[in-house]
Amino acid sequence: MDDPRLKKLLYRADHRGFREADIIIGGFARARLAELSPAQVDAFEQLLDQPDQDLYAWIIGREAAPEVFEGEILAMLRAFMLQAHTTIGADTGA
């Protein structure tokens, strides 16, 4: 990933302030950021501008996200989280 903006977003996604958010948001960024459209990157950046606890709560479904943030990228983050959880559970036998 050579784009300076994408590198900055990857860093921000990977250093959210608490481990659970780093794993989900950073993992999503590592896996998908390079393939997002410019509009999707903009939406991802807007999500990263939100407080850590709020964004994490929206992803895991503990709280409803404000309508302005409900969209394709938040749905992709939720799907990534579910896929990662399923994969981890399968790997551990859980």
PDB file of N, CA and C in Angstrom:
ATOM      1  N   MET A   1       0.858  -1.164   0.000  1.00  0.00           N
ATOM      2  CA  MET A   1       0.000   0.000   0.000  1.00  0.00           C
ATOM      3  C   MET A   1       0.911   1.236   0.000  1.00  0.00           C
ATOM      4  N   ASP A   2       0.943   1.931  -1.124  1.00  0.00           N
ATOM      5  CA  ASP A   2       1.834   3.077  -1.265  1.00  0.00           C
ATOM      6  C   ASP A   2       1.153   4.418  -1.019  1.00  0.00           C
ATOM      7  N   ASP A   3      -0.164   4.463  -1.085  1.00  0.00           N
ATOM      8  CA  ASP A   3      -0.905   5.711  -0.937  1.00  0.00           C
ATOM      9  C   ASP A   3      -0.761   6.232   0.503  1.00  0.00           C
ATOM     10  N   PRO A   4      -0.222   7.450   0.676  1.00  0.00           N
ATOM     11  CA  PRO A   4      -0.030   7.984   2.032  1.00  0.00           C
ATOM     12  C   PRO A   4      -1.330   8.086   2.831  1.00  0.00           C
ATOM     13  N   ARG A   5      -2.423   8.435   2.168  1.00  0.00           N
ATOM     14  CA  ARG A   5      -3.701   8.534   2.885  1.00  0.00           C
ATOM     15  C   ARG A   5      -4.117   7.166   3.418  1.00  0.00           C
ATOM     16  N   LEU A   6      -3.996   6.145   2.592  1.00  0.00           N
ATOM     17  CA  LEU A   6      -4.378   4.803   3.031  1.00  0.00           C
ATOM     18  C   LEU A   6      -3.471   4.323   4.159  1.00  0.00           C
ATOM     19  N   LYS A   7      -2.186   4.637   4.096  1.00  0.00           N
ATOM     20  CA  LYS A   7      -1.272   4.264   5.177  1.00  0.00           C
ATOM     21  C   LYS A   7      -1.689   4.927   6.485  1.00  0.00           C
ATOM     22  N   LYS A   8      -2.063   6.198   6.406  1.00  0.00           N
ATOM     23  CA  LYS A   8      -2.503   6.923   7.602  1.00  0.00           C
ATOM     24  C   LYS A   8      -3.785   6.306   8.170  1.00  0.00           C
ATOM     25  N   LEU A   9      -4.731   5.976   7.286  1.00  0.00           N
ATOM     26  CA  LEU A   9      -5.976   5.365   7.744  1.00  0.00           C
ATOM     27  C   LEU A   9      -5.723   3.993   8.347  1.00  0.00           C
ATOM     28  N   LEU A  10      -4.822   3.230   7.751  1.00  0.00           N
ATOM     29  CA  LEU A  10      -4.489   1.917   8.298  1.00  0.00           C
ATOM     30  C   LEU A  10      -3.914   2.063   9.705  1.00  0.00           C
ATOM     31  N   TYR A  11      -3.024   3.023   9.888  1.00  0.00           N
ATOM     32  CA  TYR A  11      -2.457   3.253  11.214  1.00  0.00           C
ATOM     33  C   TYR A  11      -3.561   3.624  12.212  1.00  0.00           C
ATOM     34  N   ARG A  12      -4.424   4.546  11.812  1.00  0.00           N
ATOM     35  CA  ARG A  12      -5.516   4.972  12.695  1.00  0.00           C
ATOM     36  C   ARG A  12      -6.445   3.806  13.027  1.00  0.00           C
ATOM     37  N   ALA A  13      -6.701   2.945  12.053  1.00  0.00           N
ATOM     38  CA  ALA A  13      -7.584   1.807  12.268  1.00  0.00           C
ATOM     39  C   ALA A  13      -6.956   0.781  13.204  1.00  0.00           C
ATOM     40  N   ASP A  14      -5.656   0.674  13.137  1.00  0.00           N
ATOM     41  CA  ASP A  14      -4.925  -0.334  13.907  1.00  0.00           C
ATOM     42  C   ASP A  14      -4.558   0.133  15.309  1.00  0.00           C
ATOM     43  N   HIS A  15      -4.774   1.393  15.610  1.00  0.00           N
ATOM     44  CA  HIS A  15      -4.407   1.964  16.914  1.00  0.00           C
ATOM     45  C   HIS A  15      -5.581   2.756  17.483  1.00  0.00           C
ATOM     46  N   ARG A  16      -6.660   2.056  17.798  1.00  0.00           N
ATOM     47  CA  ARG A  16      -7.891   2.694  18.228  1.00  0.00           C
ATOM     48  C   ARG A  16      -7.925   3.010  19.716  1.00  0.00           C
ATOM     49  N   GLY A  17      -7.116   2.382  20.495  1.00  0.00           N
ATOM     50  CA  GLY A  17      -7.122   2.701  21.914  1.00  0.00           C
ATOM     51  C   GLY A  17      -7.479   1.529  22.803  1.00  0.00           C
ATOM     52  N   PHE A  18      -8.101   0.508  22.239  1.00  0.00           N
ATOM     53  CA  PHE A  18      -8.293  -0.708  23.014  1.00  0.00           C
ATOM     54  C   PHE A  18      -8.291  -1.907  22.070  1.00  0.00           C
ATOM     55  N   ARG A  19      -7.823  -3.001  22.595  1.00  0.00           N
ATOM     56  CA  ARG A  19      -7.467  -4.180  21.794  1.00  0.00           C
ATOM     57  C   ARG A  19      -8.599  -4.694  20.904  1.00  0.00           C
ATOM     58  N   GLU A  20      -9.801  -4.794  21.426  1.00  0.00           N
ATOM     59  CA  GLU A  20     -10.907  -5.346  20.645  1.00  0.00           C
ATOM     60  C   GLU A  20     -11.155  -4.515  19.386  1.00  0.00           C
ATOM     61  N   ALA A  21     -11.144  -3.204  19.528  1.00  0.00           N
ATOM     62  CA  ALA A  21     -11.348  -2.322  18.373  1.00  0.00           C
ATOM     63  C   ALA A  21     -10.175  -2.425  17.408  1.00  0.00           C
ATOM     64  N   ASP A  22      -8.951  -2.498  17.942  1.00  0.00           N
ATOM     65  CA  ASP A  22      -7.780  -2.653  17.076  1.00  0.00           C
ATOM     66  C   ASP A  22      -7.898  -3.909  16.222  1.00  0.00           C
ATOM     67  N   ILE A  23      -8.340  -4.992  16.822  1.00  0.00           N
ATOM     68  CA  ILE A  23      -8.438  -6.266  16.113  1.00  0.00           C
ATOM     69  C   ILE A  23      -9.465  -6.180  14.991  1.00  0.00           C
ATOM     70  N   ILE A  24     -10.651  -5.682  15.293  1.00  0.00           N
ATOM     71  CA  ILE A  24     -11.713  -5.644  14.292  1.00  0.00           C
ATOM     72  C   ILE A  24     -11.463  -4.566  13.245  1.00  0.00           C
ATOM     73  N   ILE A  25     -11.260  -3.337  13.682  1.00  0.00           N
ATOM     74  CA  ILE A  25     -11.144  -2.222  12.743  1.00  0.00           C
ATOM     75  C   ILE A  25      -9.814  -2.286  11.996  1.00  0.00           C
ATOM     76  N   GLY A  26      -8.746  -2.581  12.725  1.00  0.00           N
ATOM     77  CA  GLY A  26      -7.444  -2.721  12.081  1.00  0.00           C
ATOM     78  C   GLY A  26      -7.396  -3.920  11.148  1.00  0.00           C
ATOM     79  N   GLY A  27      -7.988  -5.018  11.570  1.00  0.00           N
ATOM     80  CA  GLY A  27      -8.034  -6.211  10.724  1.00  0.00           C
ATOM     81  C   GLY A  27      -8.799  -5.958   9.438  1.00  0.00           C
ATOM     82  N   PHE A  28      -9.917  -5.264   9.568  1.00  0.00           N
ATOM     83  CA  PHE A  28     -10.701  -4.899   8.383  1.00  0.00           C
ATOM     84  C   PHE A  28      -9.864  -4.029   7.451  1.00  0.00           C
ATOM     85  N   ALA A  29      -9.191  -3.038   8.010  1.00  0.00           N
ATOM     86  CA  ALA A  29      -8.386  -2.126   7.183  1.00  0.00           C
ATOM     87  C   ALA A  29      -7.275  -2.887   6.470  1.00  0.00           C
ATOM     88  N   ARG A  30      -6.591  -3.775   7.168  1.00  0.00           N
ATOM     89  CA  ARG A  30      -5.516  -4.551   6.535  1.00  0.00           C
ATOM     90  C   ARG A  30      -6.058  -5.425   5.412  1.00  0.00           C
ATOM     91  N   ALA A  31      -7.234  -5.991   5.623  1.00  0.00           N
ATOM     92  CA  ALA A  31      -7.803  -6.914   4.642  1.00  0.00           C
ATOM     93  C   ALA A  31      -8.483  -6.220   3.470  1.00  0.00           C
ATOM     94  N   ARG A  32      -9.103  -5.062   3.703  1.00  0.00           N
ATOM     95  CA  ARG A  32      -9.990  -4.512   2.683  1.00  0.00           C
ATOM     96  C   ARG A  32      -9.693  -3.099   2.203  1.00  0.00           C
ATOM     97  N   LEU A  33      -8.915  -2.329   2.939  1.00  0.00           N
ATOM     98  CA  LEU A  33      -8.741  -0.912   2.641  1.00  0.00           C
ATOM     99  C   LEU A  33      -8.251  -0.660   1.214  1.00  0.00           C
ATOM    100  N   ALA A  34      -7.301  -1.424   0.749  1.00  0.00           N
ATOM    101  CA  ALA A  34      -6.719  -1.203  -0.580  1.00  0.00           C
ATOM    102  C   ALA A  34      -7.717  -1.428  -1.707  1.00  0.00           C
ATOM    103  N   GLU A  35      -8.764  -2.181  -1.449  1.00  0.00           N
ATOM    104  CA  GLU A  35      -9.738  -2.474  -2.506  1.00  0.00           C
ATOM    105  C   GLU A  35     -10.991  -1.598  -2.444  1.00  0.00           C
ATOM    106  N   LEU A  36     -11.066  -0.699  -1.467  1.00  0.00           N
ATOM    107  CA  LEU A  36     -12.231   0.173  -1.349  1.00  0.00           C
ATOM    108  C   LEU A  36     -12.193   1.268  -2.414  1.00  0.00           C
ATOM    109  N   SER A  37     -13.380   1.683  -2.830  1.00  0.00           N
ATOM    110  CA  SER A  37     -13.495   2.807  -3.767  1.00  0.00           C
ATOM    111  C   SER A  37     -13.174   4.101  -3.018  1.00  0.00           C
ATOM    112  N   PRO A  38     -12.900   5.182  -3.738  1.00  0.00           N
ATOM    113  CA  PRO A  38     -12.655   6.465  -3.067  1.00  0.00           C
ATOM    114  C   PRO A  38     -13.809   6.884  -2.153  1.00  0.00           C
ATOM    115  N   ALA A  39     -15.042   6.664  -2.575  1.00  0.00           N
ATOM    116  CA  ALA A  39     -16.194   7.017  -1.735  1.00  0.00           C
ATOM    117  C   ALA A  39     -16.235   6.150  -0.475  1.00  0.00           C
ATOM    118  N   GLN A  40     -15.890   4.885  -0.613  1.00  0.00           N
ATOM    119  CA  GLN A  40     -15.864   3.997   0.544  1.00  0.00           C
ATOM    120  C   GLN A  40     -14.745   4.387   1.507  1.00  0.00           C
ATOM    121  N   VAL A  41     -13.596   4.804   0.965  1.00  0.00           N
ATOM    122  CA  VAL A  41     -12.497   5.261   1.817  1.00  0.00           C
ATOM    123  C   VAL A  41     -12.934   6.498   2.594  1.00  0.00           C
ATOM    124  N   ASP A  42     -13.636   7.401   1.931  1.00  0.00           N
ATOM    125  CA  ASP A  42     -14.154   8.591   2.625  1.00  0.00           C
ATOM    126  C   ASP A  42     -15.078   8.192   3.772  1.00  0.00           C
ATOM    127  N   ALA A  43     -15.980   7.238   3.516  1.00  0.00           N
ATOM    128  CA  ALA A  43     -16.915   6.786   4.551  1.00  0.00           C
ATOM    129  C   ALA A  43     -16.167   6.114   5.696  1.00  0.00           C
ATOM    130  N   PHE A  44     -15.150   5.322   5.377  1.00  0.00           N
ATOM    131  CA  PHE A  44     -14.339   4.672   6.407  1.00  0.00           C
ATOM    132  C   PHE A  44     -13.634   5.723   7.269  1.00  0.00           C
ATOM    133  N   GLU A  45     -13.096   6.741   6.627  1.00  0.00           N
ATOM    134  CA  GLU A  45     -12.423   7.807   7.364  1.00  0.00           C
ATOM    135  C   GLU A  45     -13.396   8.527   8.298  1.00  0.00           C
ATOM    136  N   GLN A  46     -14.624   8.746   7.842  1.00  0.00           N
ATOM    137  CA  GLN A  46     -15.622   9.391   8.703  1.00  0.00           C
ATOM    138  C   GLN A  46     -15.920   8.526   9.928  1.00  0.00           C
ATOM    139  N   LEU A  47     -15.964   7.216   9.739  1.00  0.00           N
ATOM    140  CA  LEU A  47     -16.168   6.331  10.884  1.00  0.00           C
ATOM    141  C   LEU A  47     -14.981   6.398  11.844  1.00  0.00           C
ATOM    142  N   LEU A  48     -13.770   6.455  11.293  1.00  0.00           N
ATOM    143  CA  LEU A  48     -12.587   6.524  12.154  1.00  0.00           C
ATOM    144  C   LEU A  48     -12.529   7.812  12.959  1.00  0.00           C
ATOM    145  N   ASP A  49     -13.230   8.835  12.501  1.00  0.00           N
ATOM    146  CA  ASP A  49     -13.274  10.106  13.226  1.00  0.00           C
ATOM    147  C   ASP A  49     -14.169  10.037  14.458  1.00  0.00           C
ATOM    148  N   GLN A  50     -14.913   8.966  14.617  1.00  0.00           N
ATOM    149  CA  GLN A  50     -15.833   8.824  15.743  1.00  0.00           C
ATOM    150  C   GLN A  50     -15.098   8.256  16.962  1.00  0.00           C
ATOM    151  N   PRO A  51     -15.618   8.534  18.158  1.00  0.00           N
ATOM    152  CA  PRO A  51     -14.984   7.990  19.366  1.00  0.00           C
ATOM    153  C   PRO A  51     -14.916   6.466  19.333  1.00  0.00           C
ATOM    154  N   ASP A  52     -13.822   5.944  19.839  1.00  0.00           N
ATOM    155  CA  ASP A  52     -13.566   4.504  19.830  1.00  0.00           C
ATOM    156  C   ASP A  52     -14.720   3.687  20.388  1.00  0.00           C
ATOM    157  N   GLN A  53     -15.184   4.072  21.568  1.00  0.00           N
ATOM    158  CA  GLN A  53     -16.229   3.300  22.234  1.00  0.00           C
ATOM    159  C   GLN A  53     -17.526   3.295  21.418  1.00  0.00           C
ATOM    160  N   ASP A  54     -17.860   4.426  20.808  1.00  0.00           N
ATOM    161  CA  ASP A  54     -19.072   4.499  19.988  1.00  0.00           C
ATOM    162  C   ASP A  54     -18.955   3.606  18.762  1.00  0.00           C
ATOM    163  N   LEU A  55     -17.857   3.755  18.039  1.00  0.00           N
ATOM    164  CA  LEU A  55     -17.675   2.972  16.818  1.00  0.00           C
ATOM    165  C   LEU A  55     -17.691   1.481  17.116  1.00  0.00           C
ATOM    166  N   TYR A  56     -17.000   1.064  18.142  1.00  0.00           N
ATOM    167  CA  TYR A  56     -16.982  -0.346  18.508  1.00  0.00           C
ATOM    168  C   TYR A  56     -18.385  -0.835  18.875  1.00  0.00           C
ATOM    169  N   ALA A  57     -19.126  -0.031  19.630  1.00  0.00           N
ATOM    170  CA  ALA A  57     -20.493  -0.403  20.022  1.00  0.00           C
ATOM    171  C   ALA A  57     -21.399  -0.544  18.799  1.00  0.00           C
ATOM    172  N   TRP A  58     -21.215   0.300  17.787  1.00  0.00           N
ATOM    173  CA  TRP A  58     -22.011   0.206  16.560  1.00  0.00           C
ATOM    174  C   TRP A  58     -21.664  -1.068  15.792  1.00  0.00           C
ATOM    175  N   ILE A  59     -20.380  -1.393  15.748  1.00  0.00           N
ATOM    176  CA  ILE A  59     -19.950  -2.582  14.999  1.00  0.00           C
ATOM    177  C   ILE A  59     -20.493  -3.840  15.640  1.00  0.00           C
ATOM    178  N   ILE A  60     -20.377  -3.952  16.950  1.00  0.00           N
ATOM    179  CA  ILE A  60     -20.811  -5.188  17.615  1.00  0.00           C
ATOM    180  C   ILE A  60     -22.308  -5.224  17.883  1.00  0.00           C
ATOM    181  N   GLY A  61     -22.997  -4.123  17.621  1.00  0.00           N
ATOM    182  CA  GLY A  61     -24.445  -4.092  17.782  1.00  0.00           C
ATOM    183  C   GLY A  61     -24.919  -3.790  19.186  1.00  0.00           C
ATOM    184  N   ARG A  62     -24.023  -3.336  20.036  1.00  0.00           N
ATOM    185  CA  ARG A  62     -24.419  -2.975  21.403  1.00  0.00           C
ATOM    186  C   ARG A  62     -25.256  -1.707  21.399  1.00  0.00           C
ATOM    187  N   GLU A  63     -24.986  -0.822  20.444  1.00  0.00           N
ATOM    188  CA  GLU A  63     -25.758   0.413  20.288  1.00  0.00           C
ATOM    189  C   GLU A  63     -26.071   0.611  18.815  1.00  0.00           C
ATOM    190  N   ALA A  64     -27.181   1.276  18.553  1.00  0.00           N
ATOM    191  CA  ALA A  64     -27.525   1.616  17.175  1.00  0.00           C
ATOM    192  C   ALA A  64     -26.669   2.797  16.734  1.00  0.00           C
ATOM    193  N   ALA A  65     -26.174   2.720  15.514  1.00  0.00           N
ATOM    194  CA  ALA A  65     -25.389   3.821  14.956  1.00  0.00           C
ATOM    195  C   ALA A  65     -26.328   4.926  14.499  1.00  0.00           C
ATOM    196  N   PRO A  66     -25.899   6.166  14.594  1.00  0.00           N
ATOM    197  CA  PRO A  66     -26.694   7.249  14.007  1.00  0.00           C
ATOM    198  C   PRO A  66     -26.904   6.983  12.517  1.00  0.00           C
ATOM    199  N   GLU A  67     -28.043   7.376  12.023  1.00  0.00           N
ATOM    200  CA  GLU A  67     -28.422   7.100  10.631  1.00  0.00           C
ATOM    201  C   GLU A  67     -27.332   7.517   9.639  1.00  0.00           C
ATOM    202  N   VAL A  68     -26.662   8.619   9.901  1.00  0.00           N
ATOM    203  CA  VAL A  68     -25.639   9.122   8.983  1.00  0.00           C
ATOM    204  C   VAL A  68     -24.486   8.128   8.814  1.00  0.00           C
ATOM    205  N   PHE A  69     -24.250   7.278   9.804  1.00  0.00           N
ATOM    206  CA  PHE A  69     -23.156   6.315   9.734  1.00  0.00           C
ATOM    207  C   PHE A  69     -23.593   4.927   9.291  1.00  0.00           C
ATOM    208  N   GLU A  70     -24.904   4.687   9.265  1.00  0.00           N
ATOM    209  CA  GLU A  70     -25.394   3.393   8.793  1.00  0.00           C
ATOM    210  C   GLU A  70     -25.211   3.352   7.279  1.00  0.00           C
ATOM    211  N   GLY A  71     -24.401   2.452   6.828  1.00  0.00           N
ATOM    212  CA  GLY A  71     -24.149   2.372   5.394  1.00  0.00           C
ATOM    213  C   GLY A  71     -23.290   1.175   5.072  1.00  0.00           C
ATOM    214  N   GLU A  72     -22.784   1.206   3.874  1.00  0.00           N
ATOM    215  CA  GLU A  72     -22.038   0.076   3.332  1.00  0.00           C
ATOM    216  C   GLU A  72     -20.793  -0.264   4.164  1.00  0.00           C
ATOM    217  N   ILE A  73     -20.037   0.733   4.566  1.00  0.00           N
ATOM    218  CA  ILE A  73     -18.795   0.450   5.290  1.00  0.00           C
ATOM    219  C   ILE A  73     -19.068  -0.118   6.679  1.00  0.00           C
ATOM    220  N   LEU A  74     -20.027   0.424   7.382  1.00  0.00           N
ATOM    221  CA  LEU A  74     -20.359  -0.130   8.694  1.00  0.00           C
ATOM    222  C   LEU A  74     -20.872  -1.562   8.543  1.00  0.00           C
ATOM    223  N   ALA A  75     -21.650  -1.819   7.509  1.00  0.00           N
ATOM    224  CA  ALA A  75     -22.109  -3.185   7.240  1.00  0.00           C
ATOM    225  C   ALA A  75     -20.924  -4.106   6.939  1.00  0.00           C
ATOM    226  N   MET A  76     -19.955  -3.603   6.195  1.00  0.00           N
ATOM    227  CA  MET A  76     -18.767  -4.399   5.884  1.00  0.00           C
ATOM    228  C   MET A  76     -17.954  -4.683   7.142  1.00  0.00           C
ATOM    229  N   LEU A  77     -17.848  -3.704   8.027  1.00  0.00           N
ATOM    230  CA  LEU A  77     -17.146  -3.914   9.294  1.00  0.00           C
ATOM    231  C   LEU A  77     -17.855  -4.967  10.141  1.00  0.00           C
ATOM    232  N   ARG A  78     -19.171  -4.900  10.188  1.00  0.00           N
ATOM    233  CA  ARG A  78     -19.934  -5.893  10.957  1.00  0.00           C
ATOM    234  C   ARG A  78     -19.748  -7.294  10.374  1.00  0.00           C
ATOM    235  N   ALA A  79     -19.808  -7.402   9.058  1.00  0.00           N
ATOM    236  CA  ALA A  79     -19.620  -8.702   8.404  1.00  0.00           C
ATOM    237  C   ALA A  79     -18.209  -9.229   8.659  1.00  0.00           C
ATOM    238  N   PHE A  80     -17.226  -8.342   8.602  1.00  0.00           N
ATOM    239  CA  PHE A  80     -15.846  -8.746   8.878  1.00  0.00           C
ATOM    240  C   PHE A  80     -15.726  -9.267  10.307  1.00  0.00           C
ATOM    241  N   MET A  81     -16.335  -8.565  11.247  1.00  0.00           N
ATOM    242  CA  MET A  81     -16.286  -8.982  12.646  1.00  0.00           C
ATOM    243  C   MET A  81     -16.927 -10.362  12.823  1.00  0.00           C
ATOM    244  N   LEU A  82     -18.065 -10.580  12.191  1.00  0.00           N
ATOM    245  CA  LEU A  82     -18.735 -11.879  12.303  1.00  0.00           C
ATOM    246  C   LEU A  82     -17.913 -12.982  11.658  1.00  0.00           C
ATOM    247  N   GLN A  83     -17.323 -12.687  10.514  1.00  0.00           N
ATOM    248  CA  GLN A  83     -16.487 -13.668   9.829  1.00  0.00           C
ATOM    249  C   GLN A  83     -15.254 -13.999  10.663  1.00  0.00           C
ATOM    250  N   ALA A  84     -14.619 -12.985  11.225  1.00  0.00           N
ATOM    251  CA  ALA A  84     -13.439 -13.205  12.056  1.00  0.00           C
ATOM    252  C   ALA A  84     -13.800 -14.028  13.287  1.00  0.00           C
ATOM    253  N   HIS A  85     -14.938 -13.726  13.906  1.00  0.00           N
ATOM    254  CA  HIS A  85     -15.379 -14.457  15.087  1.00  0.00           C
ATOM    255  C   HIS A  85     -15.647 -15.917  14.738  1.00  0.00           C
ATOM    256  N   THR A  86     -16.301 -16.152  13.615  1.00  0.00           N
ATOM    257  CA  THR A  86     -16.604 -17.512  13.173  1.00  0.00           C
ATOM    258  C   THR A  86     -15.315 -18.270  12.892  1.00  0.00           C
ATOM    259  N   THR A  87     -14.360 -17.615  12.239  1.00  0.00           N
ATOM    260  CA  THR A  87     -13.083 -18.255  11.921  1.00  0.00           C
ATOM    261  C   THR A  87     -12.311 -18.578  13.187  1.00  0.00           C
ATOM    262  N   ILE A  88     -12.269 -17.653  14.126  1.00  0.00           N
ATOM    263  CA  ILE A  88     -11.554 -17.875  15.380  1.00  0.00           C
ATOM    264  C   ILE A  88     -12.213 -19.021  16.145  1.00  0.00           C
ATOM    265  N   GLY A  89     -13.553 -19.022  16.189  1.00  0.00           N
ATOM    266  CA  GLY A  89     -14.269 -20.089  16.879  1.00  0.00           C
ATOM    267  C   GLY A  89     -14.005 -21.439  16.253  1.00  0.00           C
ATOM    268  N   ALA A  90     -13.934 -21.482  14.914  1.00  0.00           N
ATOM    269  CA  ALA A  90     -13.664 -22.747  14.225  1.00  0.00           C
ATOM    270  C   ALA A  90     -12.245 -23.210  14.502  1.00  0.00           C
ATOM    271  N   ASP A  91     -11.302 -22.271  14.580  1.00  0.00           N
ATOM    272  CA  ASP A  91      -9.905 -22.610  14.816  1.00  0.00           C
ATOM    273  C   ASP A  91      -9.680 -23.132  16.229  1.00  0.00           C
ATOM    274  N   THR A  92     -10.468 -22.648  17.180  1.00  0.00           N
ATOM    275  CA  THR A  92     -10.276 -23.038  18.574  1.00  0.00           C
ATOM    276  C   THR A  92     -11.215 -24.155  19.007  1.00  0.00           C
ATOM    277  N   GLY A  93     -12.147 -24.516  18.136  1.00  0.00           N
ATOM    278  CA  GLY A  93     -13.112 -25.531  18.490  1.00  0.00           C
ATOM    279  C   GLY A  93     -14.239 -25.008  19.335  1.00  0.00           C
ATOM    280  N   ALA A  94     -14.346 -23.678  19.459  1.00  0.00           N
ATOM    281  CA  ALA A  94     -15.401 -23.080  20.277  1.00  0.00           C
ATOM    282  C   ALA A  94     -16.726 -23.094  19.561  1.00  0.00           C
TER     283      ALA A  94
END
